[in-house]
Each structure stands twice: as structure tokens, then as C-alpha cells.
Amino acid sequence: MVTQLKNEKTTYSPLSLNAILKGVLAALIITVLGSALLGIAYHVTSLGEKTLPLTSSILYYISIFAGSVLAARWAGYKGLVHGIGVAVIFMLLSWLIGHFLLNTAAAAGVVLQKAIISCLAGAVGGVLGVGISR
């Protein structure tokens, strides 16, 4: 006996720009607060400045991951798209700030490596965020 399935049609918009922008804002807040905490930690401890590039990179990727989790959780669907959206916008925003306000430049290889790791952090965070939302 064959059971006929209902033709349920669930339509979602391709992505929630509102959720992505909230995720980027959350990532920016995490970055600013994390930078302040790292500054205090470097000031009151004997941490050497040699570790600063590593800790700032870790903070950068954690911020993208957390912003992606939140964006996908708020959206409730398509975590991969929302997570990568947060990563791409956050990367562009940080590049614009670094390039125009701080007058810094980066090699193409470094930018590509950062883009790949950022998109991976965003994708994993997005998938986890959708899982948390249910």
C-alpha cells in the first residue's frame, strides 16, 4: 500500500539579511570586547608581544564563529549560507577598516588564507547555530 505524501510547500527567503547583519554586529562587539580583554591581559601579565598575532587571529576567527552561530540561530534555516554571509561581510568590513582607516596592506596569499579560514569558521558556526535553534 502506497501512502500519498502531502504536497507541503515550505518557502523561505534565500537568506535573512537582518540575521546576517545582527551576526556581523555581534562579531564586531565580540572583537572589540575581546581586544580590550587581550590588552588588559598583555598589560598585567608577562605575555610577550610575540604572541599577539596569534591571539588576535584566534579572536578574529572566534568572533566570526560566534557571530555566525547567532545569525543562523536567529534565522533558523540555511545555517551554511548565513554563516558564510557573516564571514564575508565581517572580512570585508575589517579589510575596509584596515585599509582606509589604518592604512595597512596585506599580501594576496595571506588574504586568501584568512578568507578560507573565515568562511570555514562561518560555515561551521552557521550549521551549529541552526542546530541550536531547533
Protein backbone atom coordinates (compact mmCIF):
# COMPACT_ATOMS: atom_id res chain seq x y z
CA MET A 1 0.00 0.00 0.00
CA VAL A 2 1.44 3.34 -1.04
CA THR A 3 0.78 6.34 1.12
CA GLN A 4 0.49 9.59 -0.68
CA LEU A 5 2.52 12.41 0.84
CA LYS A 6 1.08 15.85 1.18
CA ASN A 7 2.46 18.46 -1.10
CA GLU A 8 3.60 20.69 1.68
CA LYS A 9 5.39 23.66 0.38
CA THR A 10 7.54 25.49 2.86
CA THR A 11 9.03 28.62 1.42
CA TYR A 12 11.85 30.53 2.98
CA SER A 13 13.59 33.52 1.59
CA PRO A 14 17.07 32.62 0.37
CA LEU A 15 18.59 34.37 3.36
CA SER A 16 17.78 36.71 6.19
CA LEU A 17 19.85 39.84 5.73
CA ASN A 18 18.65 41.06 9.11
CA ALA A 19 20.07 37.95 10.83
CA ILE A 20 23.37 38.31 8.95
CA LEU A 21 23.75 41.96 9.93
CA LYS A 22 22.96 41.11 13.56
CA GLY A 23 25.61 38.38 13.38
CA VAL A 24 28.17 40.83 11.99
CA LEU A 25 27.32 43.31 14.74
CA ALA A 26 27.71 40.56 17.35
CA ALA A 27 31.09 39.62 15.84
CA LEU A 28 32.20 43.26 15.98
CA ILE A 29 31.16 43.55 19.63
CA ILE A 30 32.98 40.32 20.48
CA THR A 31 36.08 41.59 18.68
CA VAL A 32 36.09 44.95 20.48
CA LEU A 33 35.48 43.40 23.91
CA GLY A 34 38.00 40.64 23.24
CA SER A 35 40.59 43.19 22.13
CA ALA A 36 40.07 45.14 25.35
CA LEU A 37 40.46 41.98 27.42
CA LEU A 38 43.57 41.00 25.49
CA GLY A 39 45.00 44.47 26.01
CA ILE A 40 44.45 44.19 29.74
CA ALA A 41 45.91 40.67 29.77
CA TYR A 42 49.02 41.79 27.92
CA HIS A 43 49.41 44.76 30.24
CA VAL A 44 49.11 42.96 33.58
CA THR A 45 50.82 39.68 32.67
CA SER A 46 54.20 38.82 31.29
CA LEU A 47 52.83 37.76 27.91
CA GLY A 48 55.26 38.74 25.20
CA GLU A 49 54.27 40.67 22.12
CA LYS A 50 55.40 37.71 20.02
CA THR A 51 52.09 36.00 20.80
CA LEU A 52 49.98 39.00 19.76
CA PRO A 53 49.49 37.99 16.08
CA LEU A 54 48.33 34.51 17.09
CA THR A 55 45.95 35.67 19.81
CA SER A 56 44.46 38.38 17.60
CA SER A 57 43.90 35.87 14.80
CA ILE A 58 42.22 33.47 17.21
CA LEU A 59 39.99 36.30 18.44
CA TYR A 60 39.13 37.19 14.83
CA TYR A 61 38.03 33.65 13.97
CA ILE A 62 36.18 33.14 17.27
CA SER A 63 34.28 36.37 16.58
CA ILE A 64 33.24 35.14 13.13
CA PHE A 65 32.28 31.74 14.54
CA ALA A 66 30.16 33.26 17.33
CA GLY A 67 28.52 35.80 15.00
CA SER A 68 27.68 33.01 12.57
CA VAL A 69 26.18 30.85 15.31
CA LEU A 70 23.97 33.74 16.39
CA ALA A 71 22.97 34.71 12.85
CA ALA A 72 21.97 31.16 11.93
CA ARG A 73 20.14 30.74 15.23
CA TRP A 74 18.16 33.93 14.63
CA ALA A 75 17.39 32.91 11.05
CA GLY A 76 16.55 29.31 11.95
CA TYR A 77 17.37 27.94 8.50
CA LYS A 78 20.18 27.76 5.93
CA GLY A 79 22.95 28.00 8.51
CA LEU A 80 25.68 27.48 5.95
CA VAL A 81 24.55 30.47 3.90
CA HIS A 82 24.04 32.71 6.92
CA GLY A 83 27.37 31.70 8.49
CA ILE A 84 29.36 32.32 5.33
CA GLY A 85 27.44 35.59 4.85
CA VAL A 86 28.58 36.77 8.28
CA ALA A 87 32.16 35.72 7.50
CA VAL A 88 32.28 37.51 4.14
CA ILE A 89 30.75 40.76 5.40
CA PHE A 90 32.92 40.74 8.54
CA MET A 91 36.03 40.16 6.41
CA LEU A 92 35.13 42.98 4.04
CA LEU A 93 34.39 45.30 6.94
CA SER A 94 37.66 44.51 8.68
CA TRP A 95 39.55 44.91 5.39
CA LEU A 96 37.92 48.31 4.80
CA ILE A 97 38.79 49.45 8.32
CA GLY A 98 42.36 48.20 7.99
CA HIS A 99 42.90 49.58 4.51
CA PHE A 100 41.31 53.01 4.76
CA LEU A 101 41.48 53.94 8.44
CA LEU A 102 44.70 52.22 9.48
CA ASN A 103 46.42 52.38 6.07
CA THR A 104 47.56 48.75 6.14
CA ALA A 105 48.15 46.33 3.30
CA ALA A 106 48.30 42.53 3.13
CA ALA A 107 49.70 40.04 0.66
CA ALA A 108 47.24 38.17 -1.54
CA GLY A 109 48.25 34.80 -0.10
CA VAL A 110 47.58 35.97 3.44
CA VAL A 111 44.20 37.42 2.46
CA LEU A 112 43.24 34.18 0.68
CA GLN A 113 44.26 32.07 3.68
CA LYS A 114 42.30 34.34 6.02
CA ALA A 115 39.28 34.19 3.71
CA ILE A 116 39.29 30.39 3.62
CA ILE A 117 39.62 30.02 7.39
CA SER A 118 36.98 32.72 7.96
CA CYS A 119 34.49 31.02 5.63
CA LEU A 120 35.14 27.68 7.34
CA ALA A 121 34.58 29.24 10.78
CA GLY A 122 31.41 30.90 9.50
CA ALA A 123 30.13 27.72 7.87
CA VAL A 124 30.71 25.60 10.97
CA GLY A 125 29.19 28.28 13.19
CA GLY A 126 26.18 28.59 10.89
CA VAL A 127 25.49 24.86 10.85
CA LEU A 128 25.83 24.72 14.64
CA GLY A 129 23.56 27.76 15.00
CA VAL A 130 20.73 26.14 13.05
CA GLY A 131 21.13 23.01 15.14
CA ILE A 132 20.82 25.07 18.32
CA SER A 133 17.74 26.92 17.05
CA ARG A 134 15.59 23.79 16.81
